[in-house]
């Protein structure tokens, strides 16, 4: 006869966790959800940075256009003044 006691079955390797809503999820599902949320947050930050850079670029272009318009107005008024002098 064998007096050895039978060993209990090992616990499953996947553990259940609860998310914020209280839903039961497996560990790999919780990890995948966490990674997805991190990717969404990273994309949101990247979009915000792109908007900021685009705003700076448009401001630079507006300053350039304003300077060019001022030069064009100055040239037009100088040409008009010169035309009055030559009459």
PDB file of N, CA and C in Angstrom:
ATOM      1  N   UNK A   1       0.819  -1.176   0.000  1.00  0.00           N
ATOM      2  CA  UNK A   1       0.000   0.000   0.000  1.00  0.00           C
ATOM      3  C   UNK A   1       0.865   1.242   0.000  1.00  0.00           C
ATOM      4  N   UNK A   2       0.295   2.244  -0.563  1.00  0.00           N
ATOM      5  CA  UNK A   2       1.008   3.513  -0.662  1.00  0.00           C
ATOM      6  C   UNK A   2       0.369   4.490   0.313  1.00  0.00           C
ATOM      7  N   UNK A   3       1.163   4.993   1.265  1.00  0.00           N
ATOM      8  CA  UNK A   3       0.642   5.944   2.250  1.00  0.00           C
ATOM      9  C   UNK A   3       0.798   7.394   1.790  1.00  0.00           C
ATOM     10  N   UNK A   4       1.282   7.625   0.593  1.00  0.00           N
ATOM     11  CA  UNK A   4       1.493   8.994   0.104  1.00  0.00           C
ATOM     12  C   UNK A   4       0.142   9.654  -0.152  1.00  0.00           C
ATOM     13  N   UNK A   5       0.057  10.888   0.265  1.00  0.00           N
ATOM     14  CA  UNK A   5      -1.183  11.632   0.067  1.00  0.00           C
ATOM     15  C   UNK A   5      -1.199  12.192  -1.366  1.00  0.00           C
ATOM     16  N   UNK A   6      -2.356  12.211  -1.984  1.00  0.00           N
ATOM     17  CA  UNK A   6      -2.406  12.783  -3.338  1.00  0.00           C
ATOM     18  C   UNK A   6      -2.188  14.300  -3.287  1.00  0.00           C
ATOM     19  N   UNK A   7      -1.446  14.787  -4.250  1.00  0.00           N
ATOM     20  CA  UNK A   7      -1.172  16.222  -4.302  1.00  0.00           C
ATOM     21  C   UNK A   7      -2.365  16.935  -4.916  1.00  0.00           C
ATOM     22  N   UNK A   8      -2.577  18.153  -4.426  1.00  0.00           N
ATOM     23  CA  UNK A   8      -3.651  18.968  -4.996  1.00  0.00           C
ATOM     24  C   UNK A   8      -3.263  19.408  -6.398  1.00  0.00           C
ATOM     25  N   UNK A   9      -4.247  19.643  -7.226  1.00  0.00           N
ATOM     26  CA  UNK A   9      -3.983  20.105  -8.587  1.00  0.00           C
ATOM     27  C   UNK A   9      -3.393  21.519  -8.521  1.00  0.00           C
ATOM     28  N   UNK A  10      -2.417  21.827  -9.375  1.00  0.00           N
ATOM     29  CA  UNK A  10      -1.824  23.167  -9.342  1.00  0.00           C
ATOM     30  C   UNK A  10      -2.840  24.227  -9.772  1.00  0.00           C
ATOM     31  N   UNK A  11      -2.662  25.406  -9.233  1.00  0.00           N
ATOM     32  CA  UNK A  11      -3.568  26.506  -9.568  1.00  0.00           C
ATOM     33  C   UNK A  11      -3.354  26.899 -11.024  1.00  0.00           C
ATOM     34  N   UNK A  12      -4.411  27.323 -11.685  1.00  0.00           N
ATOM     35  CA  UNK A  12      -4.229  27.751 -13.085  1.00  0.00           C
ATOM     36  C   UNK A  12      -3.275  28.938 -13.165  1.00  0.00           C
ATOM     37  N   UNK A  13      -2.537  29.002 -14.278  1.00  0.00           N
ATOM     38  CA  UNK A  13      -1.515  30.040 -14.411  1.00  0.00           C
ATOM     39  C   UNK A  13      -2.120  31.412 -14.702  1.00  0.00           C
ATOM     40  N   UNK A  14      -3.368  31.452 -15.144  1.00  0.00           N
ATOM     41  CA  UNK A  14      -4.007  32.743 -15.402  1.00  0.00           C
ATOM     42  C   UNK A  14      -4.797  33.154 -14.177  1.00  0.00           C
ATOM     43  N   UNK A  15      -4.633  34.393 -13.784  1.00  0.00           N
ATOM     44  CA  UNK A  15      -5.328  34.907 -12.611  1.00  0.00           C
ATOM     45  C   UNK A  15      -6.384  35.893 -13.055  1.00  0.00           C
ATOM     46  N   UNK A  16      -7.440  35.961 -12.313  1.00  0.00           N
ATOM     47  CA  UNK A  16      -8.510  36.893 -12.643  1.00  0.00           C
ATOM     48  C   UNK A  16      -8.315  38.177 -11.855  1.00  0.00           C
ATOM     49  N   UNK A  17      -8.541  39.288 -12.510  1.00  0.00           N
ATOM     50  CA  UNK A  17      -8.482  40.592 -11.865  1.00  0.00           C
ATOM     51  C   UNK A  17      -9.757  41.338 -12.201  1.00  0.00           C
ATOM     52  N   UNK A  18     -10.050  42.358 -11.423  1.00  0.00           N
ATOM     53  CA  UNK A  18     -11.237  43.165 -11.687  1.00  0.00           C
ATOM     54  C   UNK A  18     -10.803  44.534 -12.181  1.00  0.00           C
ATOM     55  N   UNK A  19     -11.501  45.042 -13.196  1.00  0.00           N
ATOM     56  CA  UNK A  19     -11.192  46.374 -13.684  1.00  0.00           C
ATOM     57  C   UNK A  19     -12.010  47.400 -12.922  1.00  0.00           C
ATOM     58  N   UNK A  20     -11.969  48.665 -13.373  1.00  0.00           N
ATOM     59  CA  UNK A  20     -12.665  49.738 -12.652  1.00  0.00           C
ATOM     60  C   UNK A  20     -14.165  49.501 -12.564  1.00  0.00           C
ATOM     61  N   UNK A  21     -14.723  48.879 -13.595  1.00  0.00           N
ATOM     62  CA  UNK A  21     -16.166  48.642 -13.586  1.00  0.00           C
ATOM     63  C   UNK A  21     -16.546  47.402 -12.782  1.00  0.00           C
ATOM     64  N   UNK A  22     -15.548  46.690 -12.283  1.00  0.00           N
ATOM     65  CA  UNK A  22     -15.826  45.507 -11.505  1.00  0.00           C
ATOM     66  C   UNK A  22     -15.962  44.253 -12.356  1.00  0.00           C
ATOM     67  N   UNK A  23     -15.655  44.348 -13.627  1.00  0.00           N
ATOM     68  CA  UNK A  23     -15.761  43.197 -14.514  1.00  0.00           C
ATOM     69  C   UNK A  23     -14.563  42.291 -14.309  1.00  0.00           C
ATOM     70  N   UNK A  24     -14.811  41.013 -14.268  1.00  0.00           N
ATOM     71  CA  UNK A  24     -13.742  40.057 -14.067  1.00  0.00           C
ATOM     72  C   UNK A  24     -13.008  39.851 -15.400  1.00  0.00           C
ATOM     73  N   UNK A  25     -11.688  40.004 -15.373  1.00  0.00           N
ATOM     74  CA  UNK A  25     -10.896  39.804 -16.581  1.00  0.00           C
ATOM     75  C   UNK A  25      -9.697  38.926 -16.245  1.00  0.00           C
ATOM     76  N   UNK A  26      -9.220  38.228 -17.254  1.00  0.00           N
ATOM     77  CA  UNK A  26      -7.998  37.484 -17.072  1.00  0.00           C
ATOM     78  C   UNK A  26      -6.823  38.453 -17.109  1.00  0.00           C
ATOM     79  N   UNK A  27      -5.709  38.027 -16.572  1.00  0.00           N
ATOM     80  CA  UNK A  27      -4.549  38.899 -16.438  1.00  0.00           C
ATOM     81  C   UNK A  27      -4.072  39.413 -17.792  1.00  0.00           C
ATOM     82  N   UNK A  28      -4.032  38.550 -18.811  1.00  0.00           N
ATOM     83  CA  UNK A  28      -3.559  38.997 -20.118  1.00  0.00           C
ATOM     84  C   UNK A  28      -4.552  39.971 -20.757  1.00  0.00           C
ATOM     85  N   UNK A  29      -5.831  39.831 -20.448  1.00  0.00           N
ATOM     86  CA  UNK A  29      -6.821  40.785 -20.961  1.00  0.00           C
ATOM     87  C   UNK A  29      -6.634  42.153 -20.298  1.00  0.00           C
ATOM     88  N   UNK A  30      -6.372  42.146 -19.005  1.00  0.00           N
ATOM     89  CA  UNK A  30      -6.144  43.397 -18.283  1.00  0.00           C
ATOM     90  C   UNK A  30      -4.886  44.092 -18.809  1.00  0.00           C
ATOM     91  N   UNK A  31      -3.838  43.322 -19.092  1.00  0.00           N
ATOM     92  CA  UNK A  31      -2.609  43.891 -19.624  1.00  0.00           C
ATOM     93  C   UNK A  31      -2.847  44.472 -21.017  1.00  0.00           C
ATOM     94  N   UNK A  32      -3.591  43.765 -21.853  1.00  0.00           N
ATOM     95  CA  UNK A  32      -3.892  44.268 -23.196  1.00  0.00           C
ATOM     96  C   UNK A  32      -4.712  45.550 -23.116  1.00  0.00           C
ATOM     97  N   UNK A  33      -5.660  45.598 -22.211  1.00  0.00           N
ATOM     98  CA  UNK A  33      -6.478  46.804 -22.050  1.00  0.00           C
ATOM     99  C   UNK A  33      -5.628  47.977 -21.568  1.00  0.00           C
ATOM    100  N   UNK A  34      -4.731  47.711 -20.645  1.00  0.00           N
ATOM    101  CA  UNK A  34      -3.843  48.754 -20.138  1.00  0.00           C
ATOM    102  C   UNK A  34      -2.956  49.299 -21.257  1.00  0.00           C
ATOM    103  N   UNK A  35      -2.416  48.410 -22.079  1.00  0.00           N
ATOM    104  CA  UNK A  35      -1.573  48.850 -23.190  1.00  0.00           C
ATOM    105  C   UNK A  35      -2.377  49.659 -24.204  1.00  0.00           C
ATOM    106  N   UNK A  36      -3.604  49.262 -24.437  1.00  0.00           N
ATOM    107  CA  UNK A  36      -4.453  49.998 -25.372  1.00  0.00           C
ATOM    108  C   UNK A  36      -4.728  51.408 -24.837  1.00  0.00           C
ATOM    109  N   UNK A  37      -5.014  51.526 -23.550  1.00  0.00           N
ATOM    110  CA  UNK A  37      -5.269  52.833 -22.959  1.00  0.00           C
ATOM    111  C   UNK A  37      -4.007  53.706 -23.008  1.00  0.00           C
ATOM    112  N   UNK A  38      -2.833  53.106 -22.796  1.00  0.00           N
ATOM    113  CA  UNK A  38      -1.587  53.854 -22.901  1.00  0.00           C
ATOM    114  C   UNK A  38      -1.361  54.333 -24.327  1.00  0.00           C
ATOM    115  N   UNK A  39      -1.681  53.501 -25.312  1.00  0.00           N
ATOM    116  CA  UNK A  39      -1.522  53.890 -26.719  1.00  0.00           C
ATOM    117  C   UNK A  39      -2.464  55.036 -27.072  1.00  0.00           C
ATOM    118  N   UNK A  40      -3.682  54.991 -26.560  1.00  0.00           N
ATOM    119  CA  UNK A  40      -4.649  56.060 -26.817  1.00  0.00           C
ATOM    120  C   UNK A  40      -4.158  57.367 -26.201  1.00  0.00           C
ATOM    121  N   UNK A  41      -3.650  57.320 -24.984  1.00  0.00           N
ATOM    122  CA  UNK A  41      -3.133  58.521 -24.325  1.00  0.00           C
ATOM    123  C   UNK A  41      -1.913  59.072 -25.063  1.00  0.00           C
ATOM    124  N   UNK A  42      -1.053  58.188 -25.524  1.00  0.00           N
ATOM    125  CA  UNK A  42       0.116  58.620 -26.290  1.00  0.00           C
ATOM    126  C   UNK A  42      -0.311  59.294 -27.590  1.00  0.00           C
ATOM    127  N   UNK A  43      -1.313  58.748 -28.269  1.00  0.00           N
ATOM    128  CA  UNK A  43      -1.809  59.353 -29.504  1.00  0.00           C
ATOM    129  C   UNK A  43      -2.437  60.715 -29.228  1.00  0.00           C
ATOM    130  N   UNK A  44      -3.134  60.847 -28.098  1.00  0.00           N
ATOM    131  CA  UNK A  44      -3.741  62.131 -27.732  1.00  0.00           C
ATOM    132  C   UNK A  44      -2.656  63.188 -27.497  1.00  0.00           C
ATOM    133  N   UNK A  45      -1.592  62.816 -26.809  1.00  0.00           N
ATOM    134  CA  UNK A  45      -0.495  63.751 -26.557  1.00  0.00           C
ATOM    135  C   UNK A  45       0.220  64.133 -27.850  1.00  0.00           C
ATOM    136  N   UNK A  46       0.380  63.161 -28.745  1.00  0.00           N
ATOM    137  CA  UNK A  46       1.026  63.437 -30.026  1.00  0.00           C
ATOM    138  C   UNK A  46       0.186  64.403 -30.854  1.00  0.00           C
ATOM    139  N   UNK A  47      -1.128  64.223 -30.855  1.00  0.00           N
ATOM    140  CA  UNK A  47      -2.013  65.130 -31.595  1.00  0.00           C
ATOM    141  C   UNK A  47      -1.942  66.546 -31.025  1.00  0.00           C
ATOM    142  N   UNK A  48      -1.879  66.653 -29.705  1.00  0.00           N
ATOM    143  CA  UNK A  48      -1.768  67.971 -29.074  1.00  0.00           C
ATOM    144  C   UNK A  48      -0.451  68.646 -29.462  1.00  0.00           C
ATOM    145  N   UNK A  49       0.627  67.886 -29.479  1.00  0.00           N
ATOM    146  CA  UNK A  49       1.927  68.438 -29.872  1.00  0.00           C
ATOM    147  C   UNK A  49       1.898  68.885 -31.332  1.00  0.00           C
ATOM    148  N   UNK A  50       1.253  68.106 -32.202  1.00  0.00           N
ATOM    149  CA  UNK A  50       1.148  68.501 -33.610  1.00  0.00           C
ATOM    150  C   UNK A  50       0.372  69.797 -33.766  1.00  0.00           C
ATOM    151  N   UNK A  51      -0.697  69.956 -32.993  1.00  0.00           N
ATOM    152  CA  UNK A  51      -1.486  71.196 -33.052  1.00  0.00           C
ATOM    153  C   UNK A  51      -0.650  72.388 -32.586  1.00  0.00           C
ATOM    154  N   UNK A  52       0.138  72.195 -31.553  1.00  0.00           N
ATOM    155  CA  UNK A  52       0.988  73.265 -31.043  1.00  0.00           C
ATOM    156  C   UNK A  52       2.012  73.690 -32.090  1.00  0.00           C
ATOM    157  N   UNK A  53       2.659  72.717 -32.717  1.00  0.00           N
ATOM    158  CA  UNK A  53       3.660  73.017 -33.747  1.00  0.00           C
ATOM    159  C   UNK A  53       2.995  73.691 -34.944  1.00  0.00           C
ATOM    160  N   UNK A  54       1.816  73.231 -35.325  1.00  0.00           N
ATOM    161  CA  UNK A  54       1.108  73.855 -36.446  1.00  0.00           C
ATOM    162  C   UNK A  54       0.754  75.305 -36.115  1.00  0.00           C
ATOM    163  N   UNK A  55       0.372  75.567 -34.887  1.00  0.00           N
ATOM    164  CA  UNK A  55       0.070  76.942 -34.471  1.00  0.00           C
ATOM    165  C   UNK A  55       1.287  77.844 -34.579  1.00  0.00           C
ATOM    166  N   UNK A  56       2.433  77.329 -34.149  1.00  0.00           N
ATOM    167  CA  UNK A  56       3.664  78.126 -34.282  1.00  0.00           C
ATOM    168  C   UNK A  56       3.993  78.375 -35.747  1.00  0.00           C
ATOM    169  N   UNK A  57       3.800  77.366 -36.580  1.00  0.00           N
ATOM    170  CA  UNK A  57       4.101  77.518 -38.004  1.00  0.00           C
ATOM    171  C   UNK A  57       3.193  78.559 -38.652  1.00  0.00           C
ATOM    172  N   UNK A  58       1.897  78.528 -38.312  1.00  0.00           N
ATOM    173  CA  UNK A  58       0.968  79.515 -38.869  1.00  0.00           C
ATOM    174  C   UNK A  58       1.297  80.920 -38.374  1.00  0.00           C
ATOM    175  N   UNK A  59       1.717  81.057 -37.122  1.00  0.00           N
ATOM    176  CA  UNK A  59       2.101  82.372 -36.596  1.00  0.00           C
ATOM    177  C   UNK A  59       3.321  82.900 -37.335  1.00  0.00           C
ATOM    178  N   UNK A  60       4.276  82.024 -37.608  1.00  0.00           N
ATOM    179  CA  UNK A  60       5.465  82.428 -38.361  1.00  0.00           C
ATOM    180  C   UNK A  60       5.076  82.878 -39.767  1.00  0.00           C
ATOM    181  N   UNK A  61       4.205  82.129 -40.411  1.00  0.00           N
ATOM    182  CA  UNK A  61       3.751  82.497 -41.748  1.00  0.00           C
ATOM    183  C   UNK A  61       2.987  83.815 -41.732  1.00  0.00           C
ATOM    184  N   UNK A  62       2.180  84.040 -40.695  1.00  0.00           N
ATOM    185  CA  UNK A  62       1.428  85.301 -40.589  1.00  0.00           C
ATOM    186  C   UNK A  62       2.377  86.487 -40.426  1.00  0.00           C
ATOM    187  N   UNK A  63       3.425  86.322 -39.611  1.00  0.00           N
ATOM    188  CA  UNK A  63       4.404  87.406 -39.457  1.00  0.00           C
ATOM    189  C   UNK A  63       5.107  87.697 -40.784  1.00  0.00           C
ATOM    190  N   UNK A  64       5.478  86.653 -41.514  1.00  0.00           N
ATOM    191  CA  UNK A  64       6.113  86.824 -42.817  1.00  0.00           C
ATOM    192  C   UNK A  64       5.176  87.558 -43.775  1.00  0.00           C
ATOM    193  N   UNK A  65       3.913  87.145 -43.809  1.00  0.00           N
ATOM    194  CA  UNK A  65       2.943  87.786 -44.713  1.00  0.00           C
ATOM    195  C   UNK A  65       2.723  89.247 -44.329  1.00  0.00           C
ATOM    196  N   UNK A  66       2.693  89.539 -43.042  1.00  0.00           N
ATOM    197  CA  UNK A  66       2.502  90.927 -42.602  1.00  0.00           C
ATOM    198  C   UNK A  66       3.681  91.803 -43.023  1.00  0.00           C
ATOM    199  N   UNK A  67       4.898  91.289 -42.865  1.00  0.00           N
ATOM    200  CA  UNK A  67       6.076  92.053 -43.295  1.00  0.00           C
ATOM    201  C   UNK A  67       6.063  92.274 -44.804  1.00  0.00           C
ATOM    202  N   UNK A  68       5.707  91.243 -45.550  1.00  0.00           N
ATOM    203  CA  UNK A  68       5.666  91.377 -47.007  1.00  0.00           C
ATOM    204  C   UNK A  68       4.592  92.375 -47.449  1.00  0.00           C
ATOM    205  N   UNK A  69       3.439  92.344 -46.792  1.00  0.00           N
ATOM    206  CA  UNK A  69       2.371  93.292 -47.115  1.00  0.00           C
ATOM    207  C   UNK A  69       2.798  94.718 -46.793  1.00  0.00           C
ATOM    208  N   UNK A  70       3.501  94.894 -45.671  1.00  0.00           N
ATOM    209  CA  UNK A  70       3.977  96.238 -45.310  1.00  0.00           C
ATOM    210  C   UNK A  70       4.965  96.757 -46.351  1.00  0.00           C
ATOM    211  N   UNK A  71       5.864  95.875 -46.809  1.00  0.00           N
ATOM    212  CA  UNK A  71       6.809  96.295 -47.857  1.00  0.00           C
ATOM    213  C   UNK A  71       6.074  96.634 -49.152  1.00  0.00           C
ATOM    214  N   UNK A  72       5.059  95.862 -49.497  1.00  0.00           N
ATOM    215  CA  UNK A  72       4.299  96.131 -50.726  1.00  0.00           C
ATOM    216  C   UNK A  72       3.554  97.457 -50.617  1.00  0.00           C
ATOM    217  N   UNK A  73       2.965  97.729 -49.446  1.00  0.00           N
ATOM    218  CA  UNK A  73       2.277  99.013 -49.252  1.00  0.00           C
ATOM    219  C   UNK A  73       3.262 100.171 -49.330  1.00  0.00           C
ATOM    220  N   UNK A  74       4.433  99.983 -48.726  1.00  0.00           N
ATOM    221  CA  UNK A  74       5.452 101.049 -48.757  1.00  0.00           C
ATOM    222  C   UNK A  74       5.922 101.283 -50.186  1.00  0.00           C
ATOM    223  N   UNK A  75       6.115 100.227 -50.937  1.00  0.00           N
ATOM    224  CA  UNK A  75       6.550 100.367 -52.327  1.00  0.00           C
ATOM    225  C   UNK A  75       5.466 101.043 -53.158  1.00  0.00           C
ATOM    226  N   UNK A  76       4.200 100.704 -52.924  1.00  0.00           N
ATOM    227  CA  UNK A  76       3.098 101.303 -53.678  1.00  0.00           C
ATOM    228  C   UNK A  76       2.973 102.785 -53.349  1.00  0.00           C
ATOM    229  N   UNK A  77       3.104 103.141 -52.079  1.00  0.00           N
ATOM    230  CA  UNK A  77       2.989 104.556 -51.720  1.00  0.00           C
ATOM    231  C   UNK A  77       4.188 105.344 -52.239  1.00  0.00           C
ATOM    232  N   UNK A  78       5.362 104.726 -52.277  1.00  0.00           N
ATOM    233  CA  UNK A  78       6.544 105.398 -52.820  1.00  0.00           C
ATOM    234  C   UNK A  78       6.381 105.600 -54.318  1.00  0.00           C
ATOM    235  N   UNK A  79       5.822 104.607 -54.991  1.00  0.00           N
ATOM    236  CA  UNK A  79       5.603 104.732 -56.431  1.00  0.00           C
ATOM    237  C   UNK A  79       4.563 105.814 -56.704  1.00  0.00           C
ATOM    238  N   UNK A  80       3.538 105.872 -55.880  1.00  0.00           N
ATOM    239  CA  UNK A  80       2.503 106.904 -56.049  1.00  0.00           C
ATOM    240  C   UNK A  80       3.091 108.292 -55.780  1.00  0.00           C
ATOM    241  N   UNK A  81       3.929 108.414 -54.788  1.00  0.00           N
ATOM    242  CA  UNK A  81       4.574 109.681 -54.474  1.00  0.00           C
ATOM    243  C   UNK A  81       5.484 110.108 -55.614  1.00  0.00           C
ATOM    244  N   UNK A  82       6.224 109.140 -56.173  1.00  0.00           N
ATOM    245  CA  UNK A  82       7.120 109.442 -57.287  1.00  0.00           C
ATOM    246  C   UNK A  82       6.324 109.885 -58.512  1.00  0.00           C
ATOM    247  N   UNK A  83       5.147 109.287 -58.719  1.00  0.00           N
ATOM    248  CA  UNK A  83       4.315 109.670 -59.865  1.00  0.00           C
ATOM    249  C   UNK A  83       3.801 111.093 -59.684  1.00  0.00           C
ATOM    250  N   UNK A  84       3.483 111.473 -58.463  1.00  0.00           N
ATOM    251  CA  UNK A  84       3.001 112.833 -58.210  1.00  0.00           C
ATOM    252  C   UNK A  84       4.132 113.820 -58.469  1.00  0.00           C
ATOM    253  N   UNK A  85       5.346 113.495 -58.107  1.00  0.00           N
ATOM    254  CA  UNK A  85       6.498 114.387 -58.284  1.00  0.00           C
ATOM    255  C   UNK A  85       6.845 114.576 -59.759  1.00  0.00           C
ATOM    256  N   UNK A  86       6.624 113.575 -60.573  1.00  0.00           N
ATOM    257  CA  UNK A  86       7.005 113.673 -61.976  1.00  0.00           C
ATOM    258  C   UNK A  86       5.974 114.395 -62.819  1.00  0.00           C
ATOM    259  N   UNK A  87       4.856 114.758 -62.306  1.00  0.00           N
ATOM    260  CA  UNK A  87       3.823 115.456 -63.064  1.00  0.00           C
ATOM    261  C   UNK A  87       4.184 116.862 -63.324  1.00  0.00           C
TER     262      UNK A  87
END
